[in-house]
Protein backbone atom coordinates (compact mmCIF):
# COMPACT_ATOMS: atom_id res chain seq x y z
CA UNK A 1 21.35 60.69 -29.83
CA UNK A 2 19.81 60.58 -26.33
CA UNK A 3 17.10 58.23 -27.61
CA UNK A 4 19.75 55.84 -29.16
CA UNK A 5 21.61 55.70 -25.90
CA UNK A 6 18.40 54.80 -23.98
CA UNK A 7 17.56 52.17 -26.44
CA UNK A 8 20.99 50.64 -26.32
CA UNK A 9 20.88 50.65 -22.50
CA UNK A 10 17.57 48.95 -22.63
CA UNK A 11 18.89 46.33 -24.96
CA UNK A 12 21.91 45.64 -22.74
CA UNK A 13 19.57 45.46 -19.77
CA UNK A 14 17.29 42.89 -21.43
CA UNK A 15 20.25 40.92 -22.68
CA UNK A 16 21.72 40.89 -19.00
CA UNK A 17 18.32 39.90 -17.75
CA UNK A 18 18.03 37.02 -20.26
CA UNK A 19 21.39 35.79 -19.32
CA UNK A 20 20.51 35.94 -15.60
CA UNK A 21 17.24 34.09 -16.20
CA UNK A 22 19.05 31.39 -18.27
CA UNK A 23 21.59 30.99 -15.54
CA UNK A 24 18.87 30.88 -12.83
CA UNK A 25 16.74 28.37 -14.91
CA UNK A 26 19.77 26.18 -15.56
CA UNK A 27 20.69 26.36 -11.87
CA UNK A 28 17.21 25.63 -10.80
CA UNK A 29 17.03 22.69 -13.16
CA UNK A 30 20.23 21.25 -11.83
CA UNK A 31 18.98 21.63 -8.24
CA UNK A 32 15.78 19.94 -9.09
CA UNK A 33 17.61 17.05 -10.88
CA UNK A 34 19.92 16.73 -7.80
CA UNK A 35 16.82 16.56 -5.48
CA UNK A 36 15.16 14.06 -7.61
CA UNK A 37 18.28 11.87 -7.86
CA UNK A 38 18.77 12.04 -4.05
CA UNK A 39 15.20 11.13 -3.48
CA UNK A 40 15.37 8.31 -5.90
CA UNK A 41 18.46 6.94 -4.20
CA UNK A 42 16.76 7.26 -0.74
CA UNK A 43 13.75 5.50 -1.98
CA UNK A 44 15.86 2.71 -3.55
CA UNK A 45 17.83 2.27 -0.43
CA UNK A 46 14.60 2.24 1.74
CA UNK A 47 12.97 -0.28 -0.71
CA UNK A 48 16.06 -2.43 -0.43
CA UNK A 49 15.84 -2.32 3.41
CA UNK A 50 12.10 -3.01 3.35
CA UNK A 51 12.29 -6.09 1.15
CA UNK A 52 15.11 -7.67 3.16
CA UNK A 53 14.26 -9.57 6.31
CA UNK A 54 17.54 -9.55 8.41
CA UNK A 55 18.25 -12.74 10.31
CA UNK A 56 20.16 -10.74 12.80
CA UNK A 57 16.89 -9.27 13.97
CA UNK A 58 16.11 -10.33 17.62
CA UNK A 59 12.69 -11.70 16.63
CA UNK A 60 13.84 -13.43 13.43
CA UNK A 61 14.36 -17.04 14.86
CA UNK A 62 10.91 -17.18 16.46
CA UNK A 63 9.11 -15.62 13.53
CA UNK A 64 10.88 -18.02 11.09
CA UNK A 65 9.91 -20.92 13.36
CA UNK A 66 6.21 -19.97 13.33
CA UNK A 67 6.15 -18.91 9.77
CA UNK A 68 8.40 -20.04 6.85
CA UNK A 69 9.50 -16.60 6.07
CA UNK A 70 11.15 -17.77 2.78
CA UNK A 71 7.66 -18.15 1.44
CA UNK A 72 6.76 -14.48 1.89
CA UNK A 73 7.86 -10.93 1.01
CA UNK A 74 8.94 -9.04 4.11
CA UNK A 75 7.96 -5.34 4.48
CA UNK A 76 9.32 -3.42 7.56
CA UNK A 77 6.62 -0.80 8.04
CA UNK A 78 8.19 0.62 11.26
CA UNK A 79 11.62 0.34 12.91
CA UNK A 80 12.64 2.69 15.65
CA UNK A 81 14.32 2.42 19.05
CA UNK A 82 11.09 1.15 20.70
CA UNK A 83 9.40 -1.07 18.14
CA UNK A 84 9.73 -2.95 14.87
CA UNK A 85 6.70 -4.03 12.80
CA UNK A 86 6.99 -6.46 9.87
CA UNK A 87 4.34 -7.51 7.37
CA UNK A 88 4.82 -10.80 5.54
CA UNK A 89 3.03 -10.71 2.15
CA UNK A 90 2.18 -13.45 -0.41
CA UNK A 91 3.10 -13.33 -4.06
CA UNK A 92 0.01 -11.28 -4.67
CA UNK A 93 1.19 -8.61 -2.18
CA UNK A 94 -1.54 -9.48 0.24
CA UNK A 95 -0.46 -9.38 4.02
CA UNK A 96 -0.69 -12.78 5.58
CA UNK A 97 1.22 -12.21 8.79
CA UNK A 98 2.22 -9.31 11.04
CA UNK A 99 4.89 -9.25 13.75
CA UNK A 100 5.25 -6.56 16.41
CA UNK A 101 8.44 -6.59 18.36
CA UNK A 102 8.79 -4.32 21.42
CA UNK A 103 12.58 -3.95 21.89
CA UNK A 104 12.81 -2.56 25.30
CA UNK A 105 10.50 -5.33 26.66
CA UNK A 106 11.90 -8.08 24.38
CA UNK A 107 8.26 -9.02 23.71
CA UNK A 108 6.94 -10.28 20.34
CA UNK A 109 3.43 -10.68 19.01
CA UNK A 110 2.73 -12.47 15.77
CA UNK A 111 -0.65 -12.25 14.05
CA UNK A 112 -2.01 -14.51 11.44
CA UNK A 113 -4.60 -12.37 9.43
CA UNK A 114 -6.73 -15.51 9.05
CA UNK A 115 -6.57 -17.08 12.55
CA UNK A 116 -5.64 -14.13 14.82
CA UNK A 117 -2.74 -14.02 17.39
CA UNK A 118 -0.44 -17.11 17.09
CA UNK A 119 2.28 -15.89 19.43
CA UNK A 120 2.41 -13.32 22.20
CA UNK A 121 5.31 -13.66 24.69
CA UNK A 122 8.79 -12.53 25.60
CA UNK A 123 11.55 -13.96 23.49
CA UNK A 124 15.07 -15.02 24.42
CA UNK A 125 18.07 -12.82 23.54
CA UNK A 126 19.69 -13.77 20.32
CA UNK A 127 22.67 -16.03 20.72
CA UNK A 128 21.68 -17.03 24.23
CA UNK A 129 22.00 -20.65 23.48
CA UNK A 130 19.94 -23.64 24.41
CA UNK A 131 16.46 -22.74 25.91
CA UNK A 132 15.94 -23.52 29.49
CA UNK A 133 13.36 -26.29 30.48
CA UNK A 134 11.10 -23.65 31.85
CA UNK A 135 11.27 -21.67 28.68
CA UNK A 136 10.56 -24.75 26.58
CA UNK A 137 7.53 -25.61 28.73
CA UNK A 138 6.20 -21.97 28.28
CA UNK A 139 6.62 -22.18 24.51
CA UNK A 140 4.91 -25.55 24.42
CA UNK A 141 1.97 -24.12 26.55
CA UNK A 142 1.82 -21.17 24.28
CA UNK A 143 1.58 -23.44 21.26
CA UNK A 144 -1.12 -25.61 22.84
CA UNK A 145 -3.19 -22.39 23.50
CA UNK A 146 -2.62 -21.16 20.01
CA UNK A 147 -3.64 -24.48 18.54
CA UNK A 148 -6.80 -24.53 20.79
CA UNK A 149 -7.72 -20.92 19.75
CA UNK A 150 -7.14 -21.82 16.13
CA UNK A 151 -9.34 -24.91 16.38
CA UNK A 152 -12.08 -22.96 18.15
CA UNK A 153 -12.09 -20.29 15.47
CA UNK A 154 -12.32 -22.80 12.66
CA UNK A 155 -15.19 -24.64 14.50
CA UNK A 156 -17.00 -21.29 14.95
CA UNK A 157 -16.58 -20.47 11.22
CA UNK A 158 -17.96 -23.92 10.22
CA UNK A 159 -20.87 -23.50 12.56
CA UNK A 160 -21.90 -20.12 11.24
CA UNK A 161 -22.15 -21.64 7.66
CA UNK A 162 -24.85 -24.13 8.72
CA UNK A 163 -28.19 -23.32 7.10
CA UNK A 164 -30.16 -23.09 10.32
CA UNK A 165 -27.62 -21.31 12.50
CA UNK A 166 -28.69 -17.69 11.86
CA UNK A 167 -32.37 -18.75 12.76
CA UNK A 168 -31.14 -20.35 15.97
CA UNK A 169 -29.30 -17.20 16.96
CA UNK A 170 -32.29 -15.01 16.16
CA UNK A 171 -34.25 -16.90 18.79
CA UNK A 172 -31.69 -18.07 21.38
CA UNK A 173 -28.61 -16.48 22.77
CA UNK A 174 -26.27 -19.39 22.10
CA UNK A 175 -23.06 -17.49 21.04
CA UNK A 176 -21.45 -18.24 24.52
CA UNK A 177 -22.28 -21.93 24.47
CA UNK A 178 -20.29 -24.85 23.03
CA UNK A 179 -22.12 -26.32 20.08
CA UNK A 180 -22.14 -30.13 19.73
CA UNK A 181 -23.60 -31.74 16.57
CA UNK A 182 -24.95 -34.92 18.04
CA UNK A 183 -26.65 -36.03 14.81
CA UNK A 184 -26.10 -35.11 11.11
CA UNK A 185 -27.48 -37.15 8.15
CA UNK A 186 -29.14 -36.42 4.90
CA UNK A 187 -32.57 -35.78 6.61
CA UNK A 188 -31.82 -34.17 9.87
CA UNK A 189 -29.21 -32.25 12.03
CA UNK A 190 -29.45 -31.97 15.82
CA UNK A 191 -27.27 -29.55 17.73
CA UNK A 192 -26.86 -29.38 21.59
CA UNK A 193 -25.57 -26.24 23.09
CA UNK A 194 -23.72 -26.52 26.41
CA UNK A 195 -22.51 -23.99 28.99
CA UNK A 196 -19.08 -23.78 30.60
CA UNK A 197 -19.93 -26.68 32.96
CA UNK A 198 -20.83 -28.92 30.11
CA UNK A 199 -24.51 -28.71 30.99
CA UNK A 200 -26.90 -28.67 27.96
CA UNK A 201 -28.94 -25.48 27.66
CA UNK A 202 -30.46 -25.42 24.20
CA UNK A 203 -31.24 -28.04 21.53
CA UNK A 204 -32.00 -27.39 17.77
CA UNK A 205 -33.55 -29.90 15.29
CA UNK A 206 -33.19 -29.05 11.68
CA UNK A 207 -35.20 -31.02 9.07
CA UNK A 208 -33.16 -30.51 5.93
CA UNK A 209 -35.65 -31.39 3.13
CA UNK A 210 -38.32 -29.19 4.57
CA UNK A 211 -36.05 -26.29 5.57
CA UNK A 212 -37.75 -26.52 8.97
CA UNK A 213 -36.10 -25.89 12.33
CA UNK A 214 -37.14 -26.34 15.95
CA UNK A 215 -35.26 -24.52 18.78
CA UNK A 216 -35.87 -25.72 22.33
CA UNK A 217 -34.68 -24.19 25.60
CA UNK A 218 -34.02 -27.28 27.68
CA UNK A 219 -35.02 -25.42 30.84
CA UNK A 220 -38.02 -23.46 29.45
CA UNK A 221 -39.48 -25.36 26.53
CA UNK A 222 -40.08 -24.54 22.88
CA UNK A 223 -38.52 -21.34 21.67
CA UNK A 224 -39.07 -21.47 17.93
CA UNK A 225 -40.70 -23.77 15.43
CA UNK A 226 -40.90 -22.92 11.72
CA UNK A 227 -38.93 -22.25 8.52
CA UNK A 228 -35.31 -21.16 8.60
CA UNK A 229 -34.93 -17.45 8.13
C-alpha cells in the first residue's frame, strides 16, 4: 500500500512538473515572440527613418543644391545632438556622396567619393531668408575653389594614365610641379613641368612608336634616356 502511495505521488509530481514546463515553455515562447515583434517594429521604423531625407534638416537646402538628392537613396548613418551624417547611394547601393553636419557649429562638409570635398563651410539658419551679399560672395568663392580642385584632380588622373608618366616619376620628382603638354601628336609627346613660379624645371620627350622616353632636368641636364618602364 505504501508503494502505491509513493508511485501515485510520483505520478502527480511528474504531471505537475509537466504542466509547469508546458506553461513555462508557452510563456517563454510568447516572450520571445513579443521581443521579435518589438525588434522587427523598431527595425522597420529605423529603416523608414533611414531612407527618408527630411527637407526640414538644416543642411538639406545646401545639400540638395550641390547634389540632386532625388537621384539618390539617403541613409542617415548617425544623428545625435552634435552631428548628423548622411550617405547618398545610387541605385546599386554604392555610396556616391557623404554629408557631415556639425549642429552646434552649423557647419557642413559634403564629400564626393569621386572628386573629394565639394563643400566645407558654415551654412545659414533654415528659414533665414535671402542670403546676404557677403554670404553669396563666400559661396561663389567656395564654388570656384571646388571647381578648381575638381579640375586639378581630373588633370592629375589624366596625367597618370600617360604611358611614359611612371617612368618620368621614377627618375624625376615632378609630383609637385604643374605638367604642361606642349606637343602631342601620333609620333611624339612633349611635357614641360613648371614650379609654383611658372618656371620650367623638367622636360620629357616621349617617342611613341619606339616606346622611348627622354627626361631632362632643365638645370642639370639629362636624367634618363631609354625605354618606358
